[in-house]
Amino acid sequence: VLQEMFKGECHFISGTEEVRMVVRNFYNRLQDVMYDSDVGHHVGFTPYGEKVARAWNSDPDFMERRRAEVDTVCRHNYKVFTP
């Protein structure tokens, strides 16, 4: 059985002032691509992941949406994520 999944994480350093978003993509339990909002681009960890990261990083529309997710996903849902 082959499985693909992703995990999104929002880290609130000082409330909504400083927010870090990390998105990890896995294939068969192996992390192949990661996006860190502090870094600002995708990083590949496997040969396939490097290829995917290059493709995603070179798509300006996709990258604009990914960068906006810090606000639209993390900051917008701050009260949901924090007690």
Protein backbone atom coordinates (compact mmCIF):
# COMPACT_ATOMS: atom_id res chain seq x y z
CA VAL A 1 0.00 0.00 0.00
CA LEU A 2 1.40 3.38 -1.02
CA GLN A 3 0.43 6.38 1.06
CA GLU A 4 0.81 10.08 0.53
CA MET A 5 0.00 12.59 3.26
CA PHE A 6 0.85 16.05 4.45
CA LYS A 7 0.95 17.67 7.84
CA GLY A 8 0.53 21.39 8.44
CA GLU A 9 1.73 22.99 11.66
CA CYS A 10 1.26 26.51 12.99
CA HIS A 11 3.72 27.74 15.61
CA PHE A 12 2.79 30.90 17.53
CA ILE A 13 5.93 32.42 19.00
CA SER A 14 4.37 35.59 20.44
CA GLY A 15 0.65 35.42 19.89
CA THR A 16 -0.17 36.44 16.34
CA GLU A 17 2.83 38.77 16.14
CA GLU A 18 5.31 36.11 15.07
CA VAL A 19 3.85 33.03 13.38
CA ARG A 20 5.69 30.16 11.72
CA MET A 21 3.99 27.70 9.41
CA VAL A 22 5.53 24.35 8.48
CA VAL A 23 4.01 22.00 5.90
CA ARG A 24 5.53 18.53 5.57
CA ASN A 25 4.73 16.16 2.70
CA PHE A 26 5.27 12.42 3.19
CA TYR A 27 5.28 9.49 0.82
CA ASN A 28 5.36 5.99 2.35
CA ARG A 29 6.25 7.40 5.77
CA LEU A 30 9.26 9.25 4.37
CA GLN A 31 9.30 13.05 4.36
CA ASP A 32 10.09 14.15 0.84
CA VAL A 33 9.17 17.87 0.74
CA MET A 34 8.88 20.56 3.42
CA TYR A 35 7.83 24.21 3.38
CA ASP A 36 8.87 26.46 6.25
CA SER A 37 7.51 30.02 6.22
CA ASP A 38 10.72 31.24 7.91
CA VAL A 39 12.75 29.85 4.98
CA GLY A 40 10.19 30.97 2.39
CA HIS A 41 10.50 28.10 -0.08
CA HIS A 42 10.10 24.33 -0.37
CA VAL A 43 13.00 21.99 0.36
CA GLY A 44 13.24 18.47 -1.06
CA PHE A 45 14.71 15.59 0.93
CA THR A 46 14.55 12.82 -1.67
CA PRO A 47 15.30 12.88 -5.41
CA TYR A 48 11.57 13.02 -6.15
CA GLY A 49 11.05 15.62 -3.41
CA GLU A 50 13.78 17.84 -4.87
CA LYS A 51 12.05 17.69 -8.25
CA VAL A 52 8.67 18.58 -6.72
CA ALA A 53 10.22 21.39 -4.64
CA ARG A 54 11.82 22.93 -7.75
CA ALA A 55 8.49 22.80 -9.59
CA TRP A 56 6.52 24.33 -6.71
CA ASN A 57 9.16 27.01 -6.02
CA SER A 58 9.16 28.07 -9.69
CA ASP A 59 5.36 28.58 -9.78
CA PRO A 60 4.76 32.18 -8.62
CA ASP A 61 0.99 31.74 -8.13
CA PHE A 62 1.45 28.62 -6.01
CA MET A 63 4.16 30.28 -3.91
CA GLU A 64 2.01 33.39 -3.37
CA ARG A 65 -0.84 31.23 -2.08
CA ARG A 66 1.56 29.20 0.12
CA ARG A 67 3.04 32.36 1.67
CA ALA A 68 -0.46 33.77 2.29
CA GLU A 69 -1.41 30.63 4.25
CA VAL A 70 0.43 32.01 7.28
CA ASP A 71 -2.33 34.62 7.49
CA THR A 72 -5.30 32.72 6.03
CA VAL A 73 -4.72 29.49 7.94
CA CYS A 74 -2.57 30.16 11.01
CA ARG A 75 -3.41 33.71 12.11
CA HIS A 76 -7.05 33.36 11.08
CA ASN A 77 -7.45 30.25 13.28
CA TYR A 78 -5.35 31.45 16.23
CA LYS A 79 -8.24 31.15 18.70
CA VAL A 80 -8.98 27.61 17.48
CA PHE A 81 -5.37 26.43 17.91
CA THR A 82 -4.72 28.01 21.32
CA PRO A 83 -6.61 27.27 24.55
